[in-house]
Amino acid sequence: MKHIACIIFIFIAGHCLAQDADTIDFIHKYRQGVKYDVRTTQNSVRGYLIRETFATVVIEDRQQSHIHEFLKSSIVSMKPVQDRRVLKEDILGENYHAHTYLFSSSSIVFDEPRNYINYQWLLVENLNYGLTKNWEVTVNTVFLYPISLGVKCKYEIAPDTYIGGNVFAVGNISSRFTPAFFFGYGALARITKGTSNNNFSFSGGVLGLNSDVLQIASKNTMINLPFANVSYANRFHESWALCLEGWYFPEVQSGFAGAGFKFLRSQQTSYTFGCFTYVNTVNNKITPNLKTMPIPYIGVTSNF
């Protein structure tokens, strides 16, 4: 009986020690979201690391839309891609907050649907719900009160080149379909060039305003204001990115420009601190005035 107990003790102790050794020995050798050239005893694959375990790595080939899982014991070599286009992705990993700048957004397509909320000054909320990785439903609220509903699309047409669009309607749901119910609408098209860490976007569209609601003297019920937008983002540190943004309305020869720094706290949360200034090409002067005085900006993005 003592011999049997001894054998059981040795077996359990050995099993527990083996588990502890596995845990201690498992140190992540690779970085999630980085693009690698993987050469195994069977074939070669280029793709992004999406998961690493003690014994395996999972690589996603985004061009072929295929996921590969390899045993580490079968890997001959696995090195980051030394391509200038993805060099920053290799160093910093994927930017999970690349879908927003300040007010505007990009058309970058992620691997799966993304749900996120943008808070502007912690007062205005922009909710985006991903139906697929290419289509989103958008809702804007003020103090949690819904004021607009829209739909957004985005597609990758070439490596690091994306196109998209957005349409939305703005109204007052408490007016019960009176003339004050419909405030206006918006529609825009956008092109984004670059990676999740370094990209710029150009947008163009029209903003329609209800002249009756705004009490603007006009022969037309809706006043259409075309606009253009340029946005740029550069992630220069693992936790920080620079965002620049400009809007211009040629009908009124006015616009506004903003700059901010985005703090990437985690994959779920980021904070943006910056400012905006009003620009009027007719009345603005170089000397500071109330029109050119910078307006502080605070934004929070939450992925869920």
Protein backbone atom coordinates (compact mmCIF):
# COMPACT_ATOMS: atom_id res chain seq x y z
CA MET A 1 0.00 0.00 0.00
CA LYS A 2 2.86 2.36 0.83
CA HIS A 3 4.42 1.62 -2.55
CA ILE A 4 1.15 2.49 -4.34
CA ALA A 5 0.80 5.75 -2.38
CA CYS A 6 4.41 6.62 -3.20
CA ILE A 7 3.84 6.04 -6.92
CA ILE A 8 0.66 8.17 -6.90
CA PHE A 9 2.48 10.99 -5.08
CA ILE A 10 5.37 10.91 -7.56
CA PHE A 11 2.93 10.94 -10.50
CA ILE A 12 0.92 13.90 -9.15
CA ALA A 13 4.03 15.85 -8.19
CA GLY A 14 5.62 15.24 -11.56
CA HIS A 15 2.44 16.28 -13.38
CA CYS A 16 2.14 19.51 -11.36
CA LEU A 17 5.80 20.34 -11.88
CA ALA A 18 5.41 19.78 -15.59
CA GLN A 19 2.48 22.22 -15.66
CA ASP A 20 4.45 24.81 -13.73
CA ALA A 21 7.39 24.39 -16.10
CA ASP A 22 5.07 24.95 -19.08
CA THR A 23 3.77 28.13 -17.51
CA ILE A 24 7.21 29.45 -16.61
CA ASP A 25 8.73 28.54 -19.97
CA PHE A 26 5.93 30.20 -21.99
CA ILE A 27 7.27 33.62 -22.88
CA HIS A 28 5.72 35.39 -25.85
CA LYS A 29 8.33 35.44 -28.60
CA TYR A 30 6.25 37.36 -31.13
CA ARG A 31 4.07 40.47 -31.17
CA GLN A 32 0.34 40.36 -31.87
CA GLY A 33 -0.76 42.41 -34.88
CA VAL A 34 2.70 42.39 -36.48
CA LYS A 35 3.25 41.07 -39.99
CA TYR A 36 5.66 38.11 -40.25
CA ASP A 37 7.30 35.95 -42.88
CA VAL A 38 6.81 32.40 -41.61
CA ARG A 39 8.80 29.52 -43.12
CA THR A 40 7.96 26.01 -41.94
CA THR A 41 9.09 22.53 -42.91
CA GLN A 42 6.09 22.35 -45.25
CA ASN A 43 5.53 25.82 -46.76
CA SER A 44 5.95 29.59 -46.37
CA VAL A 45 3.30 32.13 -45.38
CA ARG A 46 3.24 35.90 -44.93
CA GLY A 47 0.64 37.34 -42.58
CA TYR A 48 -0.27 38.95 -39.28
CA LEU A 49 0.05 37.22 -35.94
CA ILE A 50 -3.33 37.08 -34.24
CA ARG A 51 -2.61 34.56 -31.48
CA GLU A 52 0.31 32.77 -29.83
CA THR A 53 0.13 29.85 -27.40
CA PHE A 54 2.80 27.73 -25.75
CA ALA A 55 2.96 25.35 -28.73
CA THR A 56 1.38 27.18 -31.69
CA VAL A 57 1.09 30.46 -33.56
CA VAL A 58 -1.92 31.61 -35.61
CA ILE A 59 -1.20 33.69 -38.71
CA GLU A 60 -3.77 35.56 -40.81
CA ASP A 61 -3.14 36.02 -44.52
CA ARG A 62 -5.40 39.02 -45.21
CA GLN A 63 -4.86 39.01 -48.95
CA GLN A 64 -6.08 35.42 -49.25
CA SER A 65 -8.56 35.74 -46.34
CA HIS A 66 -7.13 32.61 -44.78
CA ILE A 67 -5.96 31.74 -41.26
CA HIS A 68 -3.06 29.34 -40.66
CA GLU A 69 -2.11 27.62 -37.42
CA PHE A 70 1.44 26.29 -37.09
CA LEU A 71 3.19 24.23 -34.47
CA LYS A 72 6.22 26.12 -33.20
CA SER A 73 8.23 22.94 -33.58
CA SER A 74 7.58 23.02 -37.36
CA ILE A 75 8.70 26.66 -37.82
CA VAL A 76 12.11 27.03 -39.45
CA SER A 77 12.11 30.84 -39.27
CA MET A 78 9.64 33.59 -38.37
CA LYS A 79 10.77 37.17 -38.95
CA PRO A 80 8.97 40.55 -39.16
CA VAL A 81 8.40 41.73 -42.71
CA GLN A 82 11.06 44.27 -43.61
CA ASP A 83 8.77 46.27 -45.85
CA ARG A 84 8.66 50.07 -45.50
CA ARG A 85 4.91 49.98 -45.94
CA VAL A 86 4.41 47.85 -42.83
CA LEU A 87 7.52 48.79 -40.85
CA LYS A 88 5.60 50.92 -38.37
CA GLU A 89 3.01 48.16 -37.99
CA ASP A 90 5.84 45.77 -37.10
CA ILE A 91 7.23 48.08 -34.43
CA LEU A 92 4.01 49.36 -32.86
CA GLY A 93 1.44 46.72 -33.72
CA GLU A 94 -2.04 47.45 -35.04
CA ASN A 95 -3.78 50.66 -33.94
CA TYR A 96 -7.22 49.63 -32.70
CA HIS A 97 -8.40 53.27 -32.70
CA ALA A 98 -7.56 54.07 -36.33
CA HIS A 99 -11.25 54.44 -37.24
CA THR A 100 -11.37 57.99 -35.81
CA TYR A 101 -9.41 61.26 -36.02
CA LEU A 102 -11.12 64.08 -34.08
CA PHE A 103 -14.61 64.73 -35.50
CA SER A 104 -14.08 62.75 -38.69
CA SER A 105 -13.42 59.07 -39.25
CA SER A 106 -11.36 56.94 -41.62
CA SER A 107 -12.40 54.17 -44.01
CA ILE A 108 -9.85 51.64 -42.75
CA VAL A 109 -11.30 48.13 -42.75
CA PHE A 110 -10.51 45.91 -39.77
CA ASP A 111 -10.57 42.12 -39.76
CA GLU A 112 -13.92 41.86 -38.00
CA PRO A 113 -16.90 44.13 -37.21
CA ARG A 114 -16.07 46.88 -34.72
CA ASN A 115 -18.45 48.51 -32.25
CA TYR A 116 -17.34 51.79 -30.73
CA ILE A 117 -18.54 55.04 -29.17
CA ASN A 118 -16.97 58.48 -29.64
CA TYR A 119 -17.65 61.04 -26.93
CA GLN A 120 -17.11 64.69 -27.91
CA TRP A 121 -16.58 66.89 -24.83
CA LEU A 122 -18.36 64.05 -22.97
CA LEU A 123 -21.63 65.61 -24.19
CA VAL A 124 -22.14 64.39 -27.74
CA GLU A 125 -22.04 60.66 -28.37
CA ASN A 126 -21.47 58.94 -31.70
CA LEU A 127 -22.37 55.24 -31.56
CA ASN A 128 -21.17 52.94 -34.35
CA TYR A 129 -22.45 49.37 -34.50
CA GLY A 130 -20.72 47.03 -36.95
CA LEU A 131 -23.14 44.83 -38.90
CA THR A 132 -20.20 43.42 -40.85
CA LYS A 133 -16.61 44.55 -41.22
CA ASN A 134 -17.77 46.72 -44.15
CA TRP A 135 -21.10 48.13 -42.91
CA GLU A 136 -22.02 50.07 -39.76
CA VAL A 137 -25.11 51.71 -38.32
CA THR A 138 -24.43 55.11 -36.72
CA VAL A 139 -26.45 56.98 -34.10
CA ASN A 140 -25.64 60.43 -32.69
CA THR A 141 -26.96 61.61 -29.35
CA VAL A 142 -26.73 64.70 -27.15
CA PHE A 143 -26.92 63.89 -23.44
CA LEU A 144 -28.05 60.40 -24.52
CA TYR A 145 -30.94 61.94 -26.53
CA PRO A 146 -30.94 60.56 -30.13
CA ILE A 147 -30.76 63.20 -32.84
CA SER A 148 -29.52 61.35 -35.94
CA LEU A 149 -29.48 57.95 -37.59
CA GLY A 150 -27.25 56.84 -40.47
CA VAL A 151 -25.39 54.06 -42.21
CA LYS A 152 -21.70 53.84 -43.07
CA CYS A 153 -19.75 51.60 -45.46
CA LYS A 154 -16.04 51.04 -46.17
CA TYR A 155 -14.06 48.74 -48.46
CA GLU A 156 -10.42 47.98 -49.18
CA ILE A 157 -9.79 48.41 -52.92
CA ALA A 158 -5.98 47.99 -52.88
CA PRO A 159 -3.24 47.44 -50.30
CA ASP A 160 -3.50 50.32 -47.80
CA THR A 161 -6.20 52.03 -49.91
CA TYR A 162 -9.79 52.24 -48.70
CA ILE A 163 -12.99 53.93 -49.84
CA GLY A 164 -16.21 54.52 -47.94
CA GLY A 165 -19.30 56.61 -47.52
CA ASN A 166 -21.80 57.77 -44.96
CA VAL A 167 -25.41 59.00 -45.12
CA PHE A 168 -27.45 60.22 -42.16
CA ALA A 169 -30.58 62.15 -41.20
CA VAL A 170 -30.95 64.59 -38.28
CA GLY A 171 -34.22 65.28 -36.50
CA ASN A 172 -36.14 65.84 -33.30
CA ILE A 173 -37.98 62.66 -32.37
CA SER A 174 -40.14 64.48 -29.81
CA SER A 175 -41.77 66.77 -32.40
CA ARG A 176 -44.13 64.01 -33.67
CA PHE A 177 -43.51 64.60 -37.36
CA THR A 178 -44.27 68.32 -37.32
CA PRO A 179 -42.24 70.61 -39.65
CA ALA A 180 -39.66 70.83 -36.85
CA PHE A 181 -39.11 67.06 -36.90
CA PHE A 182 -36.58 67.04 -39.75
CA PHE A 183 -33.50 69.19 -39.14
CA GLY A 184 -31.40 68.08 -42.09
CA TYR A 185 -29.25 65.39 -43.64
CA GLY A 186 -25.72 64.63 -44.71
CA ALA A 187 -23.95 62.48 -47.26
CA LEU A 188 -20.25 62.07 -47.96
CA ALA A 189 -17.71 59.91 -49.75
CA ARG A 190 -14.24 59.23 -48.37
CA ILE A 191 -10.91 57.76 -49.44
CA THR A 192 -8.24 56.70 -46.93
CA LYS A 193 -4.63 55.92 -47.75
CA GLY A 194 -2.12 54.35 -45.37
CA THR A 195 -1.85 51.92 -42.48
CA SER A 196 -3.61 51.97 -39.13
CA ASN A 197 -0.63 53.86 -37.66
CA ASN A 198 0.02 56.39 -40.44
CA ASN A 199 -2.82 57.45 -42.74
CA PHE A 200 -4.72 60.35 -44.22
CA SER A 201 -8.28 60.71 -45.51
CA PHE A 202 -10.01 63.03 -47.95
CA SER A 203 -13.79 63.44 -47.81
CA GLY A 204 -16.31 65.38 -49.82
CA GLY A 205 -20.05 65.68 -49.44
CA VAL A 206 -23.08 67.83 -48.76
CA LEU A 207 -24.84 68.95 -45.60
CA GLY A 208 -28.55 69.79 -45.94
CA LEU A 209 -30.17 72.15 -43.42
CA ASN A 210 -33.89 72.81 -42.92
CA SER A 211 -34.33 76.57 -43.38
CA ASP A 212 -37.67 76.58 -41.49
CA VAL A 213 -36.19 75.00 -38.38
CA LEU A 214 -33.13 77.27 -38.44
CA GLN A 215 -35.27 80.32 -39.30
CA ILE A 216 -33.12 81.22 -42.29
CA ALA A 217 -34.70 83.30 -45.06
CA SER A 218 -34.55 81.10 -48.17
CA LYS A 219 -36.71 80.23 -51.16
CA ASN A 220 -35.83 76.55 -50.66
CA THR A 221 -36.87 74.38 -47.76
CA MET A 222 -33.45 72.76 -47.63
CA ILE A 223 -30.18 74.66 -47.84
CA ASN A 224 -27.39 72.49 -49.25
CA LEU A 225 -23.83 73.22 -48.14
CA PRO A 226 -21.10 71.25 -49.92
CA PHE A 227 -17.98 70.62 -47.86
CA ALA A 228 -14.53 69.06 -48.00
CA ASN A 229 -12.50 67.47 -45.25
CA VAL A 230 -8.86 66.41 -44.91
CA SER A 231 -7.63 64.38 -41.93
CA TYR A 232 -4.27 62.92 -40.97
CA ALA A 233 -3.05 60.59 -38.21
CA ASN A 234 0.49 59.56 -37.28
CA ARG A 235 1.18 57.17 -34.42
CA PHE A 236 4.65 58.15 -33.26
CA HIS A 237 4.68 56.17 -30.01
CA GLU A 238 3.10 52.99 -28.72
CA SER A 239 0.67 55.08 -26.66
CA TRP A 240 0.42 58.36 -28.62
CA ALA A 241 -0.76 59.52 -32.04
CA LEU A 242 -0.97 62.96 -33.66
CA CYS A 243 -4.29 63.85 -35.35
CA LEU A 244 -4.86 66.81 -37.71
CA GLU A 245 -8.17 67.74 -39.27
CA GLY A 246 -9.60 70.48 -41.49
CA TRP A 247 -13.13 71.25 -42.79
CA TYR A 248 -14.08 73.79 -45.47
CA PHE A 249 -17.52 74.99 -46.68
CA PRO A 250 -17.03 76.88 -49.98
CA GLU A 251 -20.59 78.31 -50.07
CA VAL A 252 -19.90 80.39 -46.96
CA GLN A 253 -16.12 80.57 -47.43
CA SER A 254 -15.63 79.30 -43.90
CA GLY A 255 -14.35 76.27 -42.10
CA PHE A 256 -12.49 75.07 -39.06
CA ALA A 257 -9.25 73.27 -38.35
CA GLY A 258 -8.15 71.18 -35.41
CA ALA A 259 -5.18 69.34 -33.97
CA GLY A 260 -4.89 66.91 -31.12
CA PHE A 261 -2.95 64.12 -29.48
CA LYS A 262 -4.62 60.75 -29.02
CA PHE A 263 -3.59 58.74 -25.95
CA LEU A 264 -4.01 55.03 -26.71
CA ARG A 265 -4.66 53.76 -23.21
CA SER A 266 -5.60 50.23 -24.31
CA GLN A 267 -7.21 48.33 -27.17
CA GLN A 268 -10.59 49.37 -25.76
CA THR A 269 -10.08 53.01 -24.76
CA SER A 270 -8.36 56.12 -26.09
CA TYR A 271 -8.43 59.80 -25.09
CA THR A 272 -7.90 62.78 -27.41
CA PHE A 273 -6.81 66.24 -26.27
CA GLY A 274 -6.61 69.13 -28.71
CA CYS A 275 -8.25 72.29 -29.99
CA PHE A 276 -10.17 73.71 -32.95
CA THR A 277 -10.19 77.16 -34.50
CA TYR A 278 -12.71 78.83 -36.81
CA VAL A 279 -11.44 80.00 -40.19
CA ASN A 280 -13.20 82.59 -42.35
CA THR A 281 -11.30 83.47 -45.51
CA VAL A 282 -13.12 86.81 -45.80
CA ASN A 283 -13.17 88.31 -42.30
CA ASN A 284 -10.38 86.55 -40.42
CA LYS A 285 -7.19 88.46 -39.75
CA ILE A 286 -3.81 87.32 -38.55
CA THR A 287 -4.29 89.11 -35.22
CA PRO A 288 -6.06 87.04 -32.53
CA ASN A 289 -9.80 87.61 -32.13
CA LEU A 290 -12.83 85.75 -30.84
CA LYS A 291 -13.30 84.01 -34.19
CA THR A 292 -9.79 82.60 -34.28
CA MET A 293 -9.51 81.82 -30.56
CA PRO A 294 -8.81 78.08 -30.19
CA ILE A 295 -11.62 76.00 -28.68
CA PRO A 296 -10.38 73.17 -26.43
CA TYR A 297 -11.36 69.69 -27.52
CA ILE A 298 -11.68 66.52 -25.43
CA GLY A 299 -12.70 63.21 -26.95
CA VAL A 300 -13.00 59.65 -25.69
CA THR A 301 -13.28 56.53 -27.84
CA SER A 302 -14.45 53.23 -26.39
CA ASN A 303 -14.39 49.94 -28.32
CA PHE A 304 -16.76 47.26 -27.17
